[in-house]
C-alpha cells in the first residue's frame, strides 16, 4: 500500500520455506518497504519474526487499521 492507501501489490504465498522465498522475491521490487502483519503476537507471529530476523520493518496491521478508521470518523487520540 502506498502512502495514499493505494494498493500497489499483494499475493498469497505458502507458509513454508519456498513460499517465504517467493514472497521475498516478489517484495524486493519495493526497496523502501515495510510489512503490516495482523496478529503479530498471535497467528501472525511466525511470519513477523521471520521478517524481523531478515531485517524487515514490521508493524501490527490491526492497530493501523483501527487508527485509520478512527481518523476517517473524526476521532482524535
Protein backbone atom coordinates (compact mmCIF):
# COMPACT_ATOMS: atom_id res chain seq x y z
CA UNK A 1 0.00 0.00 0.00
CA UNK A 2 1.29 3.43 -0.90
CA UNK A 3 1.20 6.45 1.40
CA UNK A 4 -2.16 7.47 -0.05
CA UNK A 5 -3.52 3.95 0.75
CA UNK A 6 -3.48 2.85 -2.90
CA UNK A 7 -2.92 -0.90 -3.05
CA UNK A 8 0.24 -1.49 -5.10
CA UNK A 9 0.70 -5.21 -4.60
CA UNK A 10 -0.49 -8.32 -2.87
CA UNK A 11 -0.49 -12.04 -3.08
CA UNK A 12 -0.89 -15.37 -1.36
CA UNK A 13 2.20 -17.36 -0.54
CA UNK A 14 2.71 -20.77 1.02
CA UNK A 15 3.88 -20.76 4.62
CA UNK A 16 6.91 -22.99 4.05
CA UNK A 17 10.46 -22.11 3.03
CA UNK A 18 9.66 -21.93 -0.69
CA UNK A 19 6.63 -19.68 -0.19
CA UNK A 20 8.58 -17.37 2.09
CA UNK A 21 11.37 -17.12 -0.50
CA UNK A 22 8.80 -16.43 -3.25
CA UNK A 23 7.23 -13.68 -1.14
CA UNK A 24 10.64 -12.10 -0.53
CA UNK A 25 11.47 -12.16 -4.23
CA UNK A 26 8.13 -10.54 -5.06
CA UNK A 27 8.57 -7.82 -2.40
CA UNK A 28 12.08 -6.81 -3.47
CA UNK A 29 10.57 -4.62 -6.21
CA UNK A 30 9.79 -2.14 -3.41
CA UNK A 31 13.14 -1.28 -1.80
CA UNK A 32 11.58 1.02 0.85
CA UNK A 33 9.01 -1.50 2.01
CA UNK A 34 7.52 -2.29 5.36
CA UNK A 35 5.18 -5.08 6.41
CA UNK A 36 1.83 -4.72 8.18
CA UNK A 37 1.09 -8.10 9.77
CA UNK A 38 -2.16 -8.89 11.52
CA UNK A 39 -1.73 -10.77 14.78
CA UNK A 40 1.99 -10.18 15.42
CA UNK A 41 1.58 -11.65 18.91
CA UNK A 42 -0.73 -14.44 17.73
CA UNK A 43 -1.30 -16.16 14.42
CA UNK A 44 0.95 -13.73 12.54
CA UNK A 45 3.84 -14.11 14.99
CA UNK A 46 5.75 -16.69 12.94
CA UNK A 47 5.86 -14.59 9.76
CA UNK A 48 6.51 -11.37 11.71
CA UNK A 49 9.51 -12.98 13.45
CA UNK A 50 10.89 -14.33 10.17
CA UNK A 51 10.63 -10.90 8.56
CA UNK A 52 12.24 -9.19 11.56
CA UNK A 53 15.08 -11.74 11.54
CA UNK A 54 15.68 -10.83 7.89
CA UNK A 55 15.94 -7.12 8.78
CA UNK A 56 12.48 -6.12 7.52
CA UNK A 57 10.30 -3.46 9.18
CA UNK A 58 7.13 -4.95 10.68
CA UNK A 59 4.11 -3.29 12.33
CA UNK A 60 0.85 -4.69 13.69
CA UNK A 61 -1.80 -4.25 10.98
CA UNK A 62 -4.85 -4.15 13.22
CA UNK A 63 -3.61 -1.08 15.07
CA UNK A 64 -3.02 0.71 11.77
CA UNK A 65 -6.49 -0.26 10.55
CA UNK A 66 -8.19 0.97 13.73
CA UNK A 67 -6.20 4.21 13.67
CA UNK A 68 -7.18 4.79 10.03
CA UNK A 69 -10.87 4.13 10.75
CA UNK A 70 -10.83 6.47 13.76
CA UNK A 71 -9.26 9.18 11.62
CA UNK A 72 -11.94 8.70 8.94
CA UNK A 73 -14.61 9.13 11.62
CA UNK A 74 -13.03 12.27 13.07
CA UNK A 75 -11.84 10.58 16.26
CA UNK A 76 -8.61 12.07 17.59
CA UNK A 77 -6.45 10.14 20.02
